[in-house]
């Protein structure tokens, strides 16, 4: 998790791992406005607001429950 100006963000790698999604898919979703994404002011890396991703994660898991082996 990354803190910028008192707000918490996840990196694209963290979000990809959490949701089991490809980084390119996340970039496309951000470009299409499906999820919010910003550039870190110093590194210019893509970051996602923690609150939005946490809500998305709950919805994603509700609609795609993990399968047990």
Protein backbone atom coordinates (compact mmCIF):
# COMPACT_ATOMS: atom_id res chain seq x y z
CA UNK A 1 0.00 0.00 0.00
CA UNK A 2 1.14 3.51 -0.82
CA UNK A 3 0.31 6.74 1.02
CA UNK A 4 0.06 9.97 -0.96
CA UNK A 5 -1.11 13.21 0.66
CA UNK A 6 -2.70 11.25 3.51
CA UNK A 7 -4.68 8.93 1.22
CA UNK A 8 -4.04 5.18 0.76
CA UNK A 9 -3.52 3.62 -2.66
CA UNK A 10 -2.61 0.23 -4.05
CA UNK A 11 -0.07 -0.32 -6.80
CA UNK A 12 -1.17 -2.02 -10.00
CA UNK A 13 0.75 -5.14 -8.96
CA UNK A 14 -1.06 -5.29 -5.61
CA UNK A 15 -4.47 -4.95 -7.28
CA UNK A 16 -3.62 -7.54 -9.94
CA UNK A 17 -2.60 -10.03 -7.24
CA UNK A 18 -5.64 -9.30 -5.03
CA UNK A 19 -8.15 -9.75 -7.83
CA UNK A 20 -6.25 -12.34 -9.86
CA UNK A 21 -6.36 -10.06 -12.89
CA UNK A 22 -3.80 -9.14 -15.50
CA UNK A 23 -2.13 -5.72 -15.25
CA UNK A 24 -3.16 -4.90 -18.82
CA UNK A 25 -6.81 -5.60 -17.96
CA UNK A 26 -6.59 -3.20 -15.04
CA UNK A 27 -5.02 -0.55 -17.28
CA UNK A 28 -7.84 -0.98 -19.82
CA UNK A 29 -10.49 -0.72 -17.08
CA UNK A 30 -8.85 2.49 -15.86
CA UNK A 31 -8.66 3.93 -19.39
CA UNK A 32 -12.36 3.17 -19.94
CA UNK A 33 -13.27 4.72 -16.58
CA UNK A 34 -14.49 1.46 -15.05
CA UNK A 35 -12.15 1.99 -12.09
CA UNK A 36 -10.33 5.05 -10.81
CA UNK A 37 -6.59 5.21 -11.31
CA UNK A 38 -4.04 7.96 -10.88
CA UNK A 39 -0.36 8.53 -11.49
CA UNK A 40 1.85 8.77 -8.42
CA UNK A 41 3.09 12.39 -8.31
CA UNK A 42 6.77 11.41 -8.00
CA UNK A 43 7.14 8.04 -9.71
CA UNK A 44 4.33 8.37 -12.29
CA UNK A 45 3.36 4.74 -11.60
CA UNK A 46 -0.33 3.84 -11.78
CA UNK A 47 -2.04 3.71 -8.37
CA UNK A 48 -5.60 2.84 -7.38
CA UNK A 49 -7.57 4.28 -4.41
CA UNK A 50 -7.64 1.75 -1.58
CA UNK A 51 -11.29 2.38 -0.68
CA UNK A 52 -12.49 1.74 -4.24
CA UNK A 53 -10.39 -1.40 -4.67
CA UNK A 54 -11.52 -2.78 -1.31
CA UNK A 55 -15.18 -2.38 -2.38
CA UNK A 56 -14.42 -3.87 -5.78
CA UNK A 57 -12.68 -6.80 -4.10
CA UNK A 58 -15.77 -7.55 -1.97
CA UNK A 59 -18.03 -7.43 -5.05
CA UNK A 60 -15.60 -9.50 -7.10
CA UNK A 61 -15.37 -12.21 -4.44
CA UNK A 62 -19.13 -12.20 -3.96
CA UNK A 63 -19.65 -12.83 -7.68
CA UNK A 64 -16.65 -15.17 -8.05
CA UNK A 65 -16.36 -17.25 -4.87
CA UNK A 66 -13.11 -19.16 -4.47
CA UNK A 67 -13.35 -22.83 -5.33
CA UNK A 68 -12.00 -25.37 -2.89
CA UNK A 69 -9.95 -28.23 -4.25
